[in-house]
Amino acid sequence: MTQLGHELGVRYVLEGSVRKAGSRVRITGQLIDTSTGGHLWADRFEGELEDIFDLQDRVTVSVVSAIAPKLESAEIERAKRKPPANLDAYDYYLRGMACLYRWTKEANAEALALFYQAIERDPEFAAAYGMAARCYSQRKTSGWMVDRKREIAETERLARRAGECGKDDAVALSSAGISLAFVVGDLASGADFTDRALALNPNLAWAWLFGGLVKNMLGEPELALERVALAMRLSPHDFHIYNMHGALAWAHFLAGRYAEALSWAQTAVREQPNLLFATCVAAASAALGGQLAEARKAMDHVRELDPTLRLSNLGNFLPTRRPEDFAKWQEAMRKAGLPE
């Protein structure tokens, strides 16, 4: 396999087989690192021959969604092993992704610096611009913003540049889209960018997640649920699965299903205690669901994560298109104990 990788000029090879027994078909596949011969992923799929086209579609979606994170993880580990003097733009990008996945304030700052390094080495690197903007989105949803005005302006600059350089890059567009919507408050551009990302790559879980979050901001929770559910099917072991759980919680809250919203929000916070937004959803859902003790408990956590959050500046934290959605948020957060 090492020789094959050398001859083809590739680091990874996807191989497989098809076997038929009567009316049944079995398809197997495995992803191999040609430098080591190690197996990064393997799976098999079975179905009826009469449903071969449906089976083919299922295999395609499963393989793409399964091997993409495996490839990224393998590439991140490869980049980590390279000496700093030998790093190129893509290596800095991969190291930035590794930091972004850790979801801590310190790792976020490190990720942002690494994405800027990638951009410095390749000023047309669309995904690096998108992920740098995504860092600011992560800062906002965790209550880590320091200079709000400057950070919003920089987010918009990075996201717009991602769109300019990455018209055909679903990763760049989806990351830029959620940043424009959530940080900048430009919901129209956020919807446009995430929809374009989905058209380019309907197997990209983050595009479905970010598209779902934008749908929540637009006041379309049922569409948001559909998109986030698909994101979870495509990437059930995602690094940021708690964001998907938080997005589900938000959609159920907007739809008035407070028990479901509270359950998903609490799951998200257990998985990632730094997630200020999901903690807010937990407090709001418990308050409107009549569980005031749970609401106060969640609000205590909100105050720990961001002591500056108030009813008076809640609109800065949560962009919404429909006035009635924001009114519900204010009522719920007031009942949970958020100060004026």
C-alpha atoms as a PDB file:
ATOM      1  CA  MET A   1       0.000   0.000   0.000  1.00  0.00           C
ATOM      2  CA  THR A   2       2.930   2.329   0.652  1.00  0.00           C
ATOM      3  CA  GLN A   3       4.183   1.696  -2.885  1.00  0.00           C
ATOM      4  CA  LEU A   4       0.699   2.332  -4.296  1.00  0.00           C
ATOM      5  CA  GLY A   5       0.465   5.603  -2.418  1.00  0.00           C
ATOM      6  CA  HIS A   6       3.836   6.633  -3.810  1.00  0.00           C
ATOM      7  CA  GLU A   7       2.856   5.724  -7.358  1.00  0.00           C
ATOM      8  CA  LEU A   8      -0.453   7.575  -7.122  1.00  0.00           C
ATOM      9  CA  GLY A   9       0.990  10.509  -5.203  1.00  0.00           C
ATOM     10  CA  VAL A  10      -1.618  10.257  -2.419  1.00  0.00           C
ATOM     11  CA  ARG A  11      -1.505   9.935   1.354  1.00  0.00           C
ATOM     12  CA  TYR A  12      -4.785   8.017   1.693  1.00  0.00           C
ATOM     13  CA  VAL A  13      -6.549   5.344  -0.345  1.00  0.00           C
ATOM     14  CA  LEU A  14     -10.194   4.301  -0.160  1.00  0.00           C
ATOM     15  CA  GLU A  15     -10.665   0.707  -1.312  1.00  0.00           C
ATOM     16  CA  GLY A  16     -13.587  -1.679  -1.211  1.00  0.00           C
ATOM     17  CA  SER A  17     -15.452  -4.580  -2.718  1.00  0.00           C
ATOM     18  CA  VAL A  18     -18.942  -5.568  -3.848  1.00  0.00           C
ATOM     19  CA  ARG A  19     -20.365  -9.067  -3.285  1.00  0.00           C
ATOM     20  CA  LYS A  20     -23.703 -10.475  -4.396  1.00  0.00           C
ATOM     21  CA  ALA A  21     -25.635 -13.410  -2.952  1.00  0.00           C
ATOM     22  CA  GLY A  22     -29.030 -14.012  -4.498  1.00  0.00           C
ATOM     23  CA  SER A  23     -30.922 -10.742  -4.257  1.00  0.00           C
ATOM     24  CA  ARG A  24     -28.626  -9.334  -1.567  1.00  0.00           C
ATOM     25  CA  VAL A  25     -25.652  -7.032  -2.129  1.00  0.00           C
ATOM     26  CA  ARG A  26     -22.848  -6.355   0.339  1.00  0.00           C
ATOM     27  CA  ILE A  27     -20.477  -3.420  -0.133  1.00  0.00           C
ATOM     28  CA  THR A  28     -17.366  -3.025   2.021  1.00  0.00           C
ATOM     29  CA  GLY A  29     -14.984  -0.095   2.228  1.00  0.00           C
ATOM     30  CA  GLN A  30     -11.858   0.872   4.111  1.00  0.00           C
ATOM     31  CA  LEU A  31      -9.697   3.971   4.309  1.00  0.00           C
ATOM     32  CA  ILE A  32      -5.955   3.355   4.504  1.00  0.00           C
ATOM     33  CA  ASP A  33      -3.059   5.642   5.404  1.00  0.00           C
ATOM     34  CA  THR A  34      -0.492   4.789   2.709  1.00  0.00           C
ATOM     35  CA  SER A  35       2.417   6.059   4.797  1.00  0.00           C
ATOM     36  CA  THR A  36       1.806   3.482   7.549  1.00  0.00           C
ATOM     37  CA  GLY A  37      -0.576   0.972   6.001  1.00  0.00           C
ATOM     38  CA  GLY A  38      -2.907   1.553   8.952  1.00  0.00           C
ATOM     39  CA  HIS A  39      -6.683   1.431   8.646  1.00  0.00           C
ATOM     40  CA  LEU A  40      -8.370   4.703   9.553  1.00  0.00           C
ATOM     41  CA  TRP A  41     -11.921   3.530   8.892  1.00  0.00           C
ATOM     42  CA  ALA A  42     -13.814   0.451   7.689  1.00  0.00           C
ATOM     43  CA  ASP A  43     -17.485  -0.402   7.314  1.00  0.00           C
ATOM     44  CA  ARG A  44     -19.908  -2.497   5.305  1.00  0.00           C
ATOM     45  CA  PHE A  45     -23.342  -1.881   3.827  1.00  0.00           C
ATOM     46  CA  GLU A  46     -26.022  -4.380   2.826  1.00  0.00           C
ATOM     47  CA  GLY A  47     -29.273  -4.129   0.865  1.00  0.00           C
ATOM     48  CA  GLU A  48     -31.534  -5.653  -1.728  1.00  0.00           C
ATOM     49  CA  LEU A  49     -30.390  -5.701  -5.356  1.00  0.00           C
ATOM     50  CA  GLU A  50     -33.688  -4.161  -6.438  1.00  0.00           C
ATOM     51  CA  ASP A  51     -32.859  -1.138  -4.256  1.00  0.00           C
ATOM     52  CA  ILE A  52     -29.327  -0.829  -5.617  1.00  0.00           C
ATOM     53  CA  PHE A  53     -29.621   2.880  -6.450  1.00  0.00           C
ATOM     54  CA  ASP A  54     -30.925   3.739  -3.003  1.00  0.00           C
ATOM     55  CA  LEU A  55     -28.158   1.608  -1.505  1.00  0.00           C
ATOM     56  CA  GLN A  56     -25.597   3.408  -3.650  1.00  0.00           C
ATOM     57  CA  ASP A  57     -26.820   6.776  -2.363  1.00  0.00           C
ATOM     58  CA  ARG A  58     -26.714   5.559   1.240  1.00  0.00           C
ATOM     59  CA  VAL A  59     -23.190   4.258   0.812  1.00  0.00           C
ATOM     60  CA  THR A  60     -22.046   7.528  -0.729  1.00  0.00           C
ATOM     61  CA  VAL A  61     -23.464   9.626   2.115  1.00  0.00           C
ATOM     62  CA  SER A  62     -22.165   7.231   4.783  1.00  0.00           C
ATOM     63  CA  VAL A  63     -18.676   7.008   3.323  1.00  0.00           C
ATOM     64  CA  VAL A  64     -18.294  10.736   2.795  1.00  0.00           C
ATOM     65  CA  SER A  65     -19.597  11.640   6.261  1.00  0.00           C
ATOM     66  CA  ALA A  66     -17.542   8.917   7.947  1.00  0.00           C
ATOM     67  CA  ILE A  67     -14.178   9.386   6.286  1.00  0.00           C
ATOM     68  CA  ALA A  68     -14.141  13.208   6.260  1.00  0.00           C
ATOM     69  CA  PRO A  69     -13.558  13.547  10.041  1.00  0.00           C
ATOM     70  CA  LYS A  70     -11.133  10.606   9.980  1.00  0.00           C
ATOM     71  CA  LEU A  71      -9.110  12.264   7.254  1.00  0.00           C
ATOM     72  CA  GLU A  72      -9.137  15.588   9.058  1.00  0.00           C
ATOM     73  CA  SER A  73      -8.012  13.982  12.318  1.00  0.00           C
ATOM     74  CA  ALA A  74      -5.207  12.137  10.519  1.00  0.00           C
ATOM     75  CA  GLU A  75      -4.116  15.337   8.786  1.00  0.00           C
ATOM     76  CA  ILE A  76      -4.163  17.251  12.074  1.00  0.00           C
ATOM     77  CA  GLU A  77      -1.917  14.641  13.688  1.00  0.00           C
ATOM     78  CA  ARG A  78       0.412  14.799  10.680  1.00  0.00           C
ATOM     79  CA  ALA A  79       0.608  18.596  10.945  1.00  0.00           C
ATOM     80  CA  LYS A  80       1.340  18.398  14.673  1.00  0.00           C
ATOM     81  CA  ARG A  81       4.370  16.196  13.965  1.00  0.00           C
ATOM     82  CA  LYS A  82       5.932  18.647  11.518  1.00  0.00           C
ATOM     83  CA  PRO A  83       8.672  20.983  12.807  1.00  0.00           C
ATOM     84  CA  PRO A  84       7.478  24.627  13.037  1.00  0.00           C
ATOM     85  CA  ALA A  85      10.045  25.704  10.433  1.00  0.00           C
ATOM     86  CA  ASN A  86       8.411  23.390   7.864  1.00  0.00           C
ATOM     87  CA  LEU A  87       4.808  24.442   8.336  1.00  0.00           C
ATOM     88  CA  ASP A  88       2.840  25.742   5.345  1.00  0.00           C
ATOM     89  CA  ALA A  89      -0.559  27.475   5.241  1.00  0.00           C
ATOM     90  CA  TYR A  90      -2.511  24.214   5.355  1.00  0.00           C
ATOM     91  CA  ASP A  91      -0.506  22.945   8.333  1.00  0.00           C
ATOM     92  CA  TYR A  92      -1.265  26.139  10.267  1.00  0.00           C
ATOM     93  CA  TYR A  93      -4.915  25.714   9.323  1.00  0.00           C
ATOM     94  CA  LEU A  94      -4.965  22.132  10.614  1.00  0.00           C
ATOM     95  CA  ARG A  95      -3.302  23.119  13.875  1.00  0.00           C
ATOM     96  CA  GLY A  96      -5.874  25.865  14.203  1.00  0.00           C
ATOM     97  CA  MET A  97      -8.667  23.324  13.754  1.00  0.00           C
ATOM     98  CA  ALA A  98      -7.200  21.151  16.509  1.00  0.00           C
ATOM     99  CA  CYS A  99      -7.324  24.149  18.870  1.00  0.00           C
ATOM    100  CA  LEU A 100     -10.806  25.187  17.759  1.00  0.00           C
ATOM    101  CA  TYR A 101     -12.133  21.734  18.614  1.00  0.00           C
ATOM    102  CA  ARG A 102     -10.939  22.043  22.231  1.00  0.00           C
ATOM    103  CA  TRP A 103     -13.409  24.883  22.951  1.00  0.00           C
ATOM    104  CA  THR A 104     -11.572  26.733  25.710  1.00  0.00           C
ATOM    105  CA  LYS A 105     -10.770  30.436  25.883  1.00  0.00           C
ATOM    106  CA  GLU A 106      -7.041  29.776  25.652  1.00  0.00           C
ATOM    107  CA  ALA A 107      -7.380  27.315  22.771  1.00  0.00           C
ATOM    108  CA  ASN A 108      -9.661  29.753  20.948  1.00  0.00           C
ATOM    109  CA  ALA A 109      -7.004  32.480  21.081  1.00  0.00           C
ATOM    110  CA  GLU A 110      -4.384  30.017  19.854  1.00  0.00           C
ATOM    111  CA  ALA A 111      -6.649  28.842  17.024  1.00  0.00           C
ATOM    112  CA  LEU A 112      -7.260  32.414  15.889  1.00  0.00           C
ATOM    113  CA  ALA A 113      -3.518  33.131  15.805  1.00  0.00           C
ATOM    114  CA  LEU A 114      -2.905  29.976  13.769  1.00  0.00           C
ATOM    115  CA  PHE A 115      -5.611  30.830  11.235  1.00  0.00           C
ATOM    116  CA  TYR A 116      -4.070  34.284  10.822  1.00  0.00           C
ATOM    117  CA  GLN A 117      -0.729  32.560  10.194  1.00  0.00           C
ATOM    118  CA  ALA A 118      -2.375  30.439   7.506  1.00  0.00           C
ATOM    119  CA  ILE A 119      -3.871  33.552   5.902  1.00  0.00           C
ATOM    120  CA  GLU A 120      -0.520  35.343   5.997  1.00  0.00           C
ATOM    121  CA  ARG A 121       1.064  32.477   4.050  1.00  0.00           C
ATOM    122  CA  ASP A 122      -1.871  32.152   1.637  1.00  0.00           C
ATOM    123  CA  PRO A 123      -3.996  35.314   1.332  1.00  0.00           C
ATOM    124  CA  GLU A 124      -6.537  33.415  -0.820  1.00  0.00           C
ATOM    125  CA  PHE A 125      -7.120  30.602   1.725  1.00  0.00           C
ATOM    126  CA  ALA A 126     -10.914  30.829   1.999  1.00  0.00           C
ATOM    127  CA  ALA A 127     -11.417  28.192   4.708  1.00  0.00           C
ATOM    128  CA  ALA A 128      -8.830  29.881   6.944  1.00  0.00           C
ATOM    129  CA  TYR A 129     -10.782  33.138   6.734  1.00  0.00           C
ATOM    130  CA  GLY A 130     -13.995  31.256   7.482  1.00  0.00           C
ATOM    131  CA  MET A 131     -12.553  29.483  10.512  1.00  0.00           C
ATOM    132  CA  ALA A 132     -10.984  32.675  11.841  1.00  0.00           C
ATOM    133  CA  ALA A 133     -14.465  34.211  11.704  1.00  0.00           C
ATOM    134  CA  ARG A 134     -15.778  31.050  13.366  1.00  0.00           C
ATOM    135  CA  CYS A 135     -13.358  31.692  16.250  1.00  0.00           C
ATOM    136  CA  TYR A 136     -15.156  34.958  16.934  1.00  0.00           C
ATOM    137  CA  SER A 137     -18.490  33.146  16.800  1.00  0.00           C
ATOM    138  CA  GLN A 138     -17.154  30.685  19.367  1.00  0.00           C
ATOM    139  CA  ARG A 139     -16.003  33.620  21.506  1.00  0.00           C
ATOM    140  CA  LYS A 140     -19.454  35.164  21.445  1.00  0.00           C
ATOM    141  CA  THR A 141     -21.396  31.982  22.206  1.00  0.00           C
ATOM    142  CA  SER A 142     -19.102  31.352  25.186  1.00  0.00           C
ATOM    143  CA  GLY A 143     -19.091  34.894  26.589  1.00  0.00           C
ATOM    144  CA  TRP A 144     -15.415  35.527  25.781  1.00  0.00           C
ATOM    145  CA  MET A 145     -15.754  38.725  23.741  1.00  0.00           C
ATOM    146  CA  VAL A 146     -13.698  41.630  25.116  1.00  0.00           C
ATOM    147  CA  ASP A 147     -13.928  44.455  22.576  1.00  0.00           C
ATOM    148  CA  ARG A 148     -17.345  43.812  21.085  1.00  0.00           C
ATOM    149  CA  LYS A 149     -17.309  46.555  18.432  1.00  0.00           C
ATOM    150  CA  ARG A 150     -13.851  45.658  17.132  1.00  0.00           C
ATOM    151  CA  GLU A 151     -14.517  41.922  17.156  1.00  0.00           C
ATOM    152  CA  ILE A 152     -17.775  42.295  15.232  1.00  0.00           C
ATOM    153  CA  ALA A 153     -16.022  44.405  12.594  1.00  0.00           C
ATOM    154  CA  GLU A 154     -13.189  41.881  12.280  1.00  0.00           C
ATOM    155  CA  THR A 155     -15.654  39.000  12.047  1.00  0.00           C
ATOM    156  CA  GLU A 156     -17.421  40.708   9.174  1.00  0.00           C
ATOM    157  CA  ARG A 157     -14.134  41.408   7.389  1.00  0.00           C
ATOM    158  CA  LEU A 158     -13.013  37.798   7.685  1.00  0.00           C
ATOM    159  CA  ALA A 159     -16.404  36.355   6.722  1.00  0.00           C
ATOM    160  CA  ARG A 160     -16.766  38.595   3.673  1.00  0.00           C
ATOM    161  CA  ARG A 161     -13.252  37.672   2.576  1.00  0.00           C
ATOM    162  CA  ALA A 162     -14.102  33.973   3.012  1.00  0.00           C
ATOM    163  CA  GLY A 163     -17.052  34.498   0.708  1.00  0.00           C
ATOM    164  CA  GLU A 164     -14.939  36.287  -1.889  1.00  0.00           C
ATOM    165  CA  CYS A 165     -12.197  33.656  -1.931  1.00  0.00           C
ATOM    166  CA  GLY A 166     -14.417  30.625  -1.400  1.00  0.00           C
ATOM    167  CA  LYS A 167     -17.353  30.869  -3.756  1.00  0.00           C
ATOM    168  CA  ASP A 168     -17.001  27.100  -4.303  1.00  0.00           C
ATOM    169  CA  ASP A 169     -15.852  26.198  -0.777  1.00  0.00           C
ATOM    170  CA  ALA A 170     -18.657  24.871   1.439  1.00  0.00           C
ATOM    171  CA  VAL A 171     -16.500  24.924   4.586  1.00  0.00           C
ATOM    172  CA  ALA A 172     -15.599  28.586   4.075  1.00  0.00           C
ATOM    173  CA  LEU A 173     -19.150  29.614   3.211  1.00  0.00           C
ATOM    174  CA  SER A 174     -20.861  27.790   6.072  1.00  0.00           C
ATOM    175  CA  SER A 175     -18.399  29.068   8.686  1.00  0.00           C
ATOM    176  CA  ALA A 176     -18.653  32.599   7.313  1.00  0.00           C
ATOM    177  CA  GLY A 177     -22.442  32.308   7.207  1.00  0.00           C
ATOM    178  CA  ILE A 178     -22.941  31.453  10.867  1.00  0.00           C
ATOM    179  CA  SER A 179     -20.459  34.178  11.834  1.00  0.00           C
ATOM    180  CA  LEU A 180     -22.266  36.823   9.785  1.00  0.00           C
ATOM    181  CA  ALA A 181     -25.610  35.818  11.258  1.00  0.00           C
ATOM    182  CA  PHE A 182     -24.696  35.241  14.903  1.00  0.00           C
ATOM    183  CA  VAL A 183     -21.874  37.737  15.472  1.00  0.00           C
ATOM    184  CA  VAL A 184     -22.598  40.479  12.933  1.00  0.00           C
ATOM    185  CA  GLY A 185     -26.392  40.102  12.978  1.00  0.00           C
ATOM    186  CA  ASP A 186     -26.663  39.963   9.177  1.00  0.00           C
ATOM    187  CA  LEU A 187     -29.243  37.199   8.959  1.00  0.00           C
ATOM    188  CA  ALA A 188     -29.846  37.590   5.227  1.00  0.00           C
ATOM    189  CA  SER A 189     -26.185  37.053   4.366  1.00  0.00           C
ATOM    190  CA  GLY A 190     -25.942  34.245   6.894  1.00  0.00           C
ATOM    191  CA  ALA A 191     -28.846  32.427   5.247  1.00  0.00           C
ATOM    192  CA  ASP A 192     -27.420  33.024   1.776  1.00  0.00           C
ATOM    193  CA  PHE A 193     -23.955  31.729   2.679  1.00  0.00           C
ATOM    194  CA  THR A 194     -25.192  28.600   4.486  1.00  0.00           C
ATOM    195  CA  ASP A 195     -27.677  27.773   1.711  1.00  0.00           C
ATOM    196  CA  ARG A 196     -24.901  28.094  -0.873  1.00  0.00           C
ATOM    197  CA  ALA A 197     -22.692  25.828   1.239  1.00  0.00           C
ATOM    198  CA  LEU A 198     -25.421  23.176   1.360  1.00  0.00           C
ATOM    199  CA  ALA A 199     -25.889  23.353  -2.401  1.00  0.00           C
ATOM    200  CA  LEU A 200     -22.145  22.818  -2.865  1.00  0.00           C
ATOM    201  CA  ASN A 201     -21.800  19.981  -0.342  1.00  0.00           C
ATOM    202  CA  PRO A 202     -25.001  18.394   1.007  1.00  0.00           C
ATOM    203  CA  ASN A 203     -22.877  15.931   3.011  1.00  0.00           C
ATOM    204  CA  LEU A 204     -21.199  18.606   5.169  1.00  0.00           C
ATOM    205  CA  ALA A 205     -22.598  18.247   8.688  1.00  0.00           C
ATOM    206  CA  TRP A 206     -21.478  21.684   9.843  1.00  0.00           C
ATOM    207  CA  ALA A 207     -23.278  23.303   6.901  1.00  0.00           C
ATOM    208  CA  TRP A 208     -26.524  21.665   8.056  1.00  0.00           C
ATOM    209  CA  LEU A 209     -25.849  22.692  11.674  1.00  0.00           C
ATOM    210  CA  PHE A 210     -25.019  26.296  10.823  1.00  0.00           C
ATOM    211  CA  GLY A 211     -27.927  26.443   8.401  1.00  0.00           C
ATOM    212  CA  GLY A 212     -30.183  25.182  11.190  1.00  0.00           C
ATOM    213  CA  LEU A 213     -28.922  27.806  13.611  1.00  0.00           C
ATOM    214  CA  VAL A 214     -29.644  30.511  11.055  1.00  0.00           C
ATOM    215  CA  LYS A 215     -33.160  29.119  10.630  1.00  0.00           C
ATOM    216  CA  ASN A 216     -33.640  29.519  14.388  1.00  0.00           C
ATOM    217  CA  MET A 217     -32.591  33.152  14.153  1.00  0.00           C
ATOM    218  CA  LEU A 218     -35.043  33.627  11.291  1.00  0.00           C
ATOM    219  CA  GLY A 219     -37.863  32.189  13.411  1.00  0.00           C
ATOM    220  CA  GLU A 220     -38.233  28.900  11.539  1.00  0.00           C
ATOM    221  CA  PRO A 221     -37.654  26.299  14.277  1.00  0.00           C
ATOM    222  CA  GLU A 222     -39.204  23.315  12.486  1.00  0.00           C
ATOM    223  CA  LEU A 223     -36.865  23.773   9.520  1.00  0.00           C
ATOM    224  CA  ALA A 224     -34.039  24.215  12.006  1.00  0.00           C
ATOM    225  CA  LEU A 225     -34.872  20.875  13.627  1.00  0.00           C
ATOM    226  CA  GLU A 226     -34.775  19.133  10.259  1.00  0.00           C
ATOM    227  CA  ARG A 227     -31.387  20.591   9.404  1.00  0.00           C
ATOM    228  CA  VAL A 228     -29.803  19.888  12.770  1.00  0.00           C
ATOM    229  CA  ALA A 229     -31.178  16.330  12.837  1.00  0.00           C
ATOM    230  CA  LEU A 230     -29.518  15.707   9.476  1.00  0.00           C
ATOM    231  CA  ALA A 231     -26.261  17.183  10.775  1.00  0.00           C
ATOM    232  CA  MET A 232     -26.358  14.701  13.652  1.00  0.00           C
ATOM    233  CA  ARG A 233     -27.022  11.787  11.308  1.00  0.00           C
ATOM    234  CA  LEU A 234     -24.090  12.802   9.123  1.00  0.00           C
ATOM    235  CA  SER A 235     -21.722  13.316  12.070  1.00  0.00           C
ATOM    236  CA  PRO A 236     -22.995  11.473  15.169  1.00  0.00           C
ATOM    237  CA  HIS A 237     -19.577  11.697  16.869  1.00  0.00           C
ATOM    238  CA  ASP A 238     -18.848  15.288  15.900  1.00  0.00           C
ATOM    239  CA  PHE A 239     -16.217  17.212  17.860  1.00  0.00           C
ATOM    240  CA  HIS A 240     -18.863  19.846  18.573  1.00  0.00           C
ATOM    241  CA  ILE A 241     -21.894  17.594  19.036  1.00  0.00           C
ATOM    242  CA  TYR A 242     -22.942  19.809  21.952  1.00  0.00           C
ATOM    243  CA  ASN A 243     -23.548  22.648  19.484  1.00  0.00           C
ATOM    244  CA  MET A 244     -26.006  20.399  17.683  1.00  0.00           C
ATOM    245  CA  HIS A 245     -27.723  19.618  20.968  1.00  0.00           C
ATOM    246  CA  GLY A 246     -27.848  23.332  21.800  1.00  0.00           C
ATOM    247  CA  ALA A 247     -29.331  24.093  18.376  1.00  0.00           C
ATOM    248  CA  LEU A 248     -32.059  21.488  18.959  1.00  0.00           C
ATOM    249  CA  ALA A 249     -32.769  23.031  22.357  1.00  0.00           C
ATOM    250  CA  TRP A 250     -33.144  26.483  20.812  1.00  0.00           C
ATOM    251  CA  ALA A 251     -35.532  25.195  18.138  1.00  0.00           C
ATOM    252  CA  HIS A 252     -37.738  23.432  20.699  1.00  0.00           C
ATOM    253  CA  PHE A 253     -37.760  26.586  22.852  1.00  0.00           C
ATOM    254  CA  LEU A 254     -38.910  28.712  19.929  1.00  0.00           C
ATOM    255  CA  ALA A 255     -41.595  26.127  19.133  1.00  0.00           C
ATOM    256  CA  GLY A 256     -42.869  26.244  22.732  1.00  0.00           C
ATOM    257  CA  ARG A 257     -41.744  22.727  23.671  1.00  0.00           C
ATOM    258  CA  TYR A 258     -39.985  23.740  26.885  1.00  0.00           C
ATOM    259  CA  ALA A 259     -39.438  20.294  28.406  1.00  0.00           C
ATOM    260  CA  GLU A 260     -37.662  19.072  25.266  1.00  0.00           C
ATOM    261  CA  ALA A 261     -35.733  22.331  25.052  1.00  0.00           C
ATOM    262  CA  LEU A 262     -34.553  22.050  28.655  1.00  0.00           C
ATOM    263  CA  SER A 263     -33.498  18.420  28.195  1.00  0.00           C
ATOM    264  CA  TRP A 264     -31.393  19.149  25.100  1.00  0.00           C
ATOM    265  CA  ALA A 265     -29.917  22.307  26.629  1.00  0.00           C
ATOM    266  CA  GLN A 266     -28.876  20.475  29.791  1.00  0.00           C
ATOM    267  CA  THR A 267     -27.284  17.760  27.651  1.00  0.00           C
ATOM    268  CA  ALA A 268     -25.293  20.390  25.746  1.00  0.00           C
ATOM    269  CA  VAL A 269     -24.105  22.084  28.944  1.00  0.00           C
ATOM    270  CA  ARG A 270     -23.069  18.782  30.510  1.00  0.00           C
ATOM    271  CA  GLU A 271     -20.969  18.082  27.426  1.00  0.00           C
ATOM    272  CA  GLN A 272     -19.517  21.608  27.246  1.00  0.00           C
ATOM    273  CA  PRO A 273     -19.911  23.739  30.401  1.00  0.00           C
ATOM    274  CA  ASN A 274     -18.422  26.788  28.612  1.00  0.00           C
ATOM    275  CA  LEU A 275     -21.407  26.996  26.263  1.00  0.00           C
ATOM    276  CA  LEU A 276     -23.063  30.206  27.432  1.00  0.00           C
ATOM    277  CA  PHE A 277     -25.757  30.126  24.779  1.00  0.00           C
ATOM    278  CA  ALA A 278     -27.004  26.635  25.701  1.00  0.00           C
ATOM    279  CA  THR A 279     -26.967  27.656  29.374  1.00  0.00           C
ATOM    280  CA  CYS A 280     -29.212  30.611  28.482  1.00  0.00           C
ATOM    281  CA  VAL A 281     -31.575  28.244  26.649  1.00  0.00           C
ATOM    282  CA  ALA A 282     -31.667  26.005  29.724  1.00  0.00           C
ATOM    283  CA  ALA A 283     -32.538  28.933  31.998  1.00  0.00           C
ATOM    284  CA  ALA A 284     -35.192  30.292  29.625  1.00  0.00           C
ATOM    285  CA  SER A 285     -36.780  26.902  28.949  1.00  0.00           C
ATOM    286  CA  ALA A 286     -36.951  25.991  32.624  1.00  0.00           C
ATOM    287  CA  ALA A 287     -38.478  29.371  33.454  1.00  0.00           C
ATOM    288  CA  LEU A 288     -41.274  29.151  30.884  1.00  0.00           C
ATOM    289  CA  GLY A 289     -41.740  25.458  31.665  1.00  0.00           C
ATOM    290  CA  GLY A 290     -42.482  26.249  35.286  1.00  0.00           C
ATOM    291  CA  GLN A 291     -39.292  24.721  36.690  1.00  0.00           C
ATOM    292  CA  LEU A 292     -38.096  27.822  38.521  1.00  0.00           C
ATOM    293  CA  ALA A 293     -35.507  26.036  40.660  1.00  0.00           C
ATOM    294  CA  GLU A 294     -33.825  24.676  37.516  1.00  0.00           C
ATOM    295  CA  ALA A 295     -34.120  28.117  35.929  1.00  0.00           C
ATOM    296  CA  ARG A 296     -32.323  29.797  38.833  1.00  0.00           C
ATOM    297  CA  LYS A 297     -29.633  27.119  38.821  1.00  0.00           C
ATOM    298  CA  ALA A 298     -28.994  27.651  35.122  1.00  0.00           C
ATOM    299  CA  MET A 299     -29.044  31.434  35.578  1.00  0.00           C
ATOM    300  CA  ASP A 300     -26.351  31.142  38.256  1.00  0.00           C
ATOM    301  CA  HIS A 301     -24.200  29.391  35.658  1.00  0.00           C
ATOM    302  CA  VAL A 302     -25.034  32.116  33.103  1.00  0.00           C
ATOM    303  CA  ARG A 303     -23.840  34.768  35.552  1.00  0.00           C
ATOM    304  CA  GLU A 304     -20.607  32.841  36.121  1.00  0.00           C
ATOM    305  CA  LEU A 305     -19.917  32.598  32.383  1.00  0.00           C
ATOM    306  CA  ASP A 306     -20.826  36.221  31.577  1.00  0.00           C
ATOM    307  CA  PRO A 307     -21.423  38.597  34.501  1.00  0.00           C
ATOM    308  CA  THR A 308     -22.101  41.452  32.042  1.00  0.00           C
ATOM    309  CA  LEU A 309     -25.180  39.895  30.410  1.00  0.00           C
ATOM    310  CA  ARG A 310     -28.353  41.860  31.137  1.00  0.00           C
ATOM    311  CA  LEU A 311     -31.876  42.135  29.807  1.00  0.00           C
ATOM    312  CA  SER A 312     -30.847  45.521  28.434  1.00  0.00           C
ATOM    313  CA  ASN A 313     -28.100  44.035  26.245  1.00  0.00           C
ATOM    314  CA  LEU A 314     -29.710  40.665  25.519  1.00  0.00           C
ATOM    315  CA  GLY A 315     -30.429  41.815  21.974  1.00  0.00           C
ATOM    316  CA  ASN A 316     -26.695  42.126  21.335  1.00  0.00           C
ATOM    317  CA  PHE A 317     -26.196  38.510  22.316  1.00  0.00           C
ATOM    318  CA  LEU A 318     -29.056  36.897  20.421  1.00  0.00           C
ATOM    319  CA  PRO A 319     -29.971  38.054  16.889  1.00  0.00           C
ATOM    320  CA  THR A 320     -33.596  37.322  15.988  1.00  0.00           C
ATOM    321  CA  ARG A 321     -35.722  38.408  13.040  1.00  0.00           C
ATOM    322  CA  ARG A 322     -39.144  38.128  14.688  1.00  0.00           C
ATOM    323  CA  PRO A 323     -39.964  40.579  17.508  1.00  0.00           C
ATOM    324  CA  GLU A 324     -42.151  37.964  19.191  1.00  0.00           C
ATOM    325  CA  ASP A 325     -39.182  35.575  19.496  1.00  0.00           C
ATOM    326  CA  PHE A 326     -37.082  38.214  21.211  1.00  0.00           C
ATOM    327  CA  ALA A 327     -39.990  39.169  23.480  1.00  0.00           C
ATOM    328  CA  LYS A 328     -40.226  35.519  24.545  1.00  0.00           C
ATOM    329  CA  TRP A 329     -36.498  35.466  25.312  1.00  0.00           C
ATOM    330  CA  GLN A 330     -36.766  38.597  27.439  1.00  0.00           C
ATOM    331  CA  GLU A 331     -39.762  37.281  29.351  1.00  0.00           C
ATOM    332  CA  ALA A 332     -38.082  33.922  29.974  1.00  0.00           C
ATOM    333  CA  MET A 333     -34.725  35.371  31.019  1.00  0.00           C
ATOM    334  CA  ARG A 334     -36.424  37.903  33.297  1.00  0.00           C
ATOM    335  CA  LYS A 335     -38.385  35.109  34.958  1.00  0.00           C
ATOM    336  CA  ALA A 336     -35.169  33.094  35.329  1.00  0.00           C
ATOM    337  CA  GLY A 337     -33.539  36.005  37.147  1.00  0.00           C
ATOM    338  CA  LEU A 338     -31.426  37.899  34.611  1.00  0.00           C
ATOM    339  CA  PRO A 339     -30.930  41.469  35.900  1.00  0.00           C
ATOM    340  CA  GLU A 340     -32.308  44.468  34.046  1.00  0.00           C
END
